[in-house]
Amino acid sequence: MTFKGVFNWLVGLPIAVAGIGFAVANRQWVTVSFDPLNRVHPFATVDMPLWALFFCGVFIGIFAGWYVAWRGNARYRRATRDAKIELVRTQQLHEREKRDWQQSTAIATRQE
């Protein structure tokens, strides 16, 4: 097992145990309201366990962080893609010029 694998287990296992402990300790149900203006008769409510609300928030945060990082690196992905295209064009041009030079030298040696 590599250092990265050992590190992942050393960090991931305590986090998993803490998450399971949190879920077991917070089994009570809570009402989540999506209407900030009317507290008596809210427009939309959801009843869920507290641990489910917590983990939904964590997953939404992970997804939002992934999306922001992905969008932030878009210019670097674009630059890499453009550099690859330019590299292929340059290689093709080099091969074409090399082939033309070889043909011209072959013709010149035949004429001598």
C-alpha atoms as a PDB file:
ATOM      1  CA  MET A   1       0.000   0.000   0.000  1.00  0.00           C
ATOM      2  CA  THR A   2       1.340   3.409  -0.941  1.00  0.00           C
ATOM      3  CA  PHE A   3       1.741   6.410   1.324  1.00  0.00           C
ATOM      4  CA  LYS A   4      -1.286   8.011  -0.304  1.00  0.00           C
ATOM      5  CA  GLY A   5      -3.409   4.944   0.438  1.00  0.00           C
ATOM      6  CA  VAL A   6      -2.298   4.839   4.068  1.00  0.00           C
ATOM      7  CA  PHE A   7      -2.914   8.576   4.419  1.00  0.00           C
ATOM      8  CA  ASN A   8      -6.403   8.223   2.910  1.00  0.00           C
ATOM      9  CA  TRP A   9      -7.249   5.491   5.420  1.00  0.00           C
ATOM     10  CA  LEU A  10      -5.799   7.446   8.343  1.00  0.00           C
ATOM     11  CA  VAL A  11      -7.853  10.510   7.449  1.00  0.00           C
ATOM     12  CA  GLY A  12     -10.950   8.900   5.938  1.00  0.00           C
ATOM     13  CA  LEU A  13     -11.630   6.318   8.634  1.00  0.00           C
ATOM     14  CA  PRO A  14     -11.926   8.798  11.540  1.00  0.00           C
ATOM     15  CA  ILE A  15     -14.114  11.058   9.393  1.00  0.00           C
ATOM     16  CA  ALA A  16     -16.372   8.106   8.537  1.00  0.00           C
ATOM     17  CA  VAL A  17     -16.593   7.047  12.177  1.00  0.00           C
ATOM     18  CA  ALA A  18     -17.439  10.622  13.220  1.00  0.00           C
ATOM     19  CA  GLY A  19     -20.092  10.833  10.484  1.00  0.00           C
ATOM     20  CA  ILE A  20     -21.685   7.562  11.574  1.00  0.00           C
ATOM     21  CA  GLY A  21     -21.609   8.709  15.190  1.00  0.00           C
ATOM     22  CA  PHE A  22     -23.241  11.995  14.222  1.00  0.00           C
ATOM     23  CA  ALA A  23     -25.968  10.160  12.290  1.00  0.00           C
ATOM     24  CA  VAL A  24     -26.724   7.828  15.195  1.00  0.00           C
ATOM     25  CA  ALA A  25     -26.748  10.648  17.767  1.00  0.00           C
ATOM     26  CA  ASN A  26     -29.040  12.916  15.682  1.00  0.00           C
ATOM     27  CA  ARG A  27     -31.906  10.685  14.654  1.00  0.00           C
ATOM     28  CA  GLN A  28     -34.647  13.172  15.590  1.00  0.00           C
ATOM     29  CA  TRP A  29     -36.742  14.627  12.812  1.00  0.00           C
ATOM     30  CA  VAL A  30     -36.683  18.331  11.965  1.00  0.00           C
ATOM     31  CA  THR A  31     -38.895  20.437   9.718  1.00  0.00           C
ATOM     32  CA  VAL A  32     -37.016  22.385   7.094  1.00  0.00           C
ATOM     33  CA  SER A  33     -38.916  25.385   5.744  1.00  0.00           C
ATOM     34  CA  PHE A  34     -38.116  27.046   2.427  1.00  0.00           C
ATOM     35  CA  ASP A  35     -40.399  30.043   3.059  1.00  0.00           C
ATOM     36  CA  PRO A  36     -38.649  32.782   5.058  1.00  0.00           C
ATOM     37  CA  LEU A  37     -41.674  35.114   5.053  1.00  0.00           C
ATOM     38  CA  ASN A  38     -44.416  32.969   6.589  1.00  0.00           C
ATOM     39  CA  ARG A  39     -43.399  30.998   9.671  1.00  0.00           C
ATOM     40  CA  VAL A  40     -46.926  29.855  10.608  1.00  0.00           C
ATOM     41  CA  HIS A  41     -47.966  28.360   7.257  1.00  0.00           C
ATOM     42  CA  PRO A  42     -44.839  28.043   5.146  1.00  0.00           C
ATOM     43  CA  PHE A  43     -45.089  27.547   1.405  1.00  0.00           C
ATOM     44  CA  ALA A  44     -42.752  24.531   1.242  1.00  0.00           C
ATOM     45  CA  THR A  45     -41.548  22.313   4.060  1.00  0.00           C
ATOM     46  CA  VAL A  46     -39.682  19.046   4.265  1.00  0.00           C
ATOM     47  CA  ASP A  47     -39.505  16.748   7.291  1.00  0.00           C
ATOM     48  CA  MET A  48     -36.229  14.846   7.499  1.00  0.00           C
ATOM     49  CA  PRO A  49     -33.789  13.513  10.067  1.00  0.00           C
ATOM     50  CA  LEU A  50     -31.202  16.011  11.223  1.00  0.00           C
ATOM     51  CA  TRP A  51     -28.338  13.837   9.975  1.00  0.00           C
ATOM     52  CA  ALA A  52     -29.872  13.732   6.480  1.00  0.00           C
ATOM     53  CA  LEU A  53     -30.057  17.523   6.448  1.00  0.00           C
ATOM     54  CA  PHE A  54     -26.409  17.708   7.530  1.00  0.00           C
ATOM     55  CA  PHE A  55     -25.206  15.257   4.880  1.00  0.00           C
ATOM     56  CA  CYS A  56     -27.279  16.971   2.168  1.00  0.00           C
ATOM     57  CA  GLY A  57     -25.518  20.208   3.076  1.00  0.00           C
ATOM     58  CA  VAL A  58     -22.135  18.506   2.969  1.00  0.00           C
ATOM     59  CA  PHE A  59     -22.816  16.955  -0.445  1.00  0.00           C
ATOM     60  CA  ILE A  60     -24.129  20.219  -1.857  1.00  0.00           C
ATOM     61  CA  GLY A  61     -21.005  21.956  -0.541  1.00  0.00           C
ATOM     62  CA  ILE A  62     -18.740  19.333  -2.103  1.00  0.00           C
ATOM     63  CA  PHE A  63     -20.545  19.637  -5.429  1.00  0.00           C
ATOM     64  CA  ALA A  64     -20.439  23.454  -5.320  1.00  0.00           C
ATOM     65  CA  GLY A  65     -16.707  23.403  -4.534  1.00  0.00           C
ATOM     66  CA  TRP A  66     -16.033  20.953  -7.352  1.00  0.00           C
ATOM     67  CA  TYR A  67     -18.007  23.117  -9.793  1.00  0.00           C
ATOM     68  CA  VAL A  68     -16.243  26.345  -8.789  1.00  0.00           C
ATOM     69  CA  ALA A  69     -12.831  24.678  -9.100  1.00  0.00           C
ATOM     70  CA  TRP A  70     -13.776  23.191 -12.478  1.00  0.00           C
ATOM     71  CA  ARG A  71     -14.956  26.573 -13.792  1.00  0.00           C
ATOM     72  CA  GLY A  72     -11.869  28.279 -12.376  1.00  0.00           C
ATOM     73  CA  ASN A  73      -9.585  25.948 -14.326  1.00  0.00           C
ATOM     74  CA  ALA A  74     -11.455  26.358 -17.631  1.00  0.00           C
ATOM     75  CA  ARG A  75      -8.869  28.764 -19.067  1.00  0.00           C
ATOM     76  CA  TYR A  76      -6.054  26.313 -18.341  1.00  0.00           C
ATOM     77  CA  ARG A  77      -7.947  23.444 -19.973  1.00  0.00           C
ATOM     78  CA  ARG A  78      -8.610  25.673 -22.985  1.00  0.00           C
ATOM     79  CA  ALA A  79      -4.931  26.688 -23.170  1.00  0.00           C
ATOM     80  CA  THR A  80      -3.875  23.041 -22.969  1.00  0.00           C
ATOM     81  CA  ARG A  81      -6.313  22.076 -25.714  1.00  0.00           C
ATOM     82  CA  ASP A  82      -5.091  24.934 -27.941  1.00  0.00           C
ATOM     83  CA  ALA A  83      -1.458  23.992 -27.288  1.00  0.00           C
ATOM     84  CA  LYS A  84      -2.157  20.382 -28.282  1.00  0.00           C
ATOM     85  CA  ILE A  85      -3.815  21.517 -31.502  1.00  0.00           C
ATOM     86  CA  GLU A  86      -0.878  23.809 -32.284  1.00  0.00           C
ATOM     87  CA  LEU A  87       1.556  20.979 -31.556  1.00  0.00           C
ATOM     88  CA  VAL A  88      -0.229  18.640 -33.980  1.00  0.00           C
ATOM     89  CA  ARG A  89      -0.281  21.345 -36.669  1.00  0.00           C
ATOM     90  CA  THR A  90       3.426  22.037 -36.170  1.00  0.00           C
ATOM     91  CA  GLN A  91       4.263  18.325 -36.325  1.00  0.00           C
ATOM     92  CA  GLN A  92       2.249  17.929 -39.530  1.00  0.00           C
ATOM     93  CA  LEU A  93       3.954  20.965 -41.059  1.00  0.00           C
ATOM     94  CA  HIS A  94       7.361  19.591 -40.063  1.00  0.00           C
ATOM     95  CA  GLU A  95       6.588  16.196 -41.591  1.00  0.00           C
ATOM     96  CA  ARG A  96       5.333  17.840 -44.797  1.00  0.00           C
ATOM     97  CA  GLU A  97       8.446  20.027 -45.094  1.00  0.00           C
ATOM     98  CA  LYS A  98      10.700  17.064 -44.297  1.00  0.00           C
ATOM     99  CA  ARG A  99       8.987  14.983 -46.997  1.00  0.00           C
ATOM    100  CA  ASP A 100       9.251  17.866 -49.514  1.00  0.00           C
ATOM    101  CA  TRP A 101      12.938  18.353 -48.685  1.00  0.00           C
ATOM    102  CA  GLN A 102      13.648  14.634 -49.090  1.00  0.00           C
ATOM    103  CA  GLN A 103      11.859  14.627 -52.438  1.00  0.00           C
ATOM    104  CA  SER A 104      13.731  17.695 -53.632  1.00  0.00           C
ATOM    105  CA  THR A 105      17.094  16.229 -52.604  1.00  0.00           C
ATOM    106  CA  ALA A 106      16.204  12.943 -54.298  1.00  0.00           C
ATOM    107  CA  ILE A 107      15.320  14.782 -57.521  1.00  0.00           C
ATOM    108  CA  ALA A 108      18.531  16.865 -57.303  1.00  0.00           C
ATOM    109  CA  THR A 109      20.695  13.772 -56.864  1.00  0.00           C
ATOM    110  CA  ARG A 110      19.034  12.048 -59.833  1.00  0.00           C
ATOM    111  CA  GLN A 111      19.650  15.040 -62.077  1.00  0.00           C
ATOM    112  CA  GLU A 112      23.362  15.068 -61.304  1.00  0.00           C
END
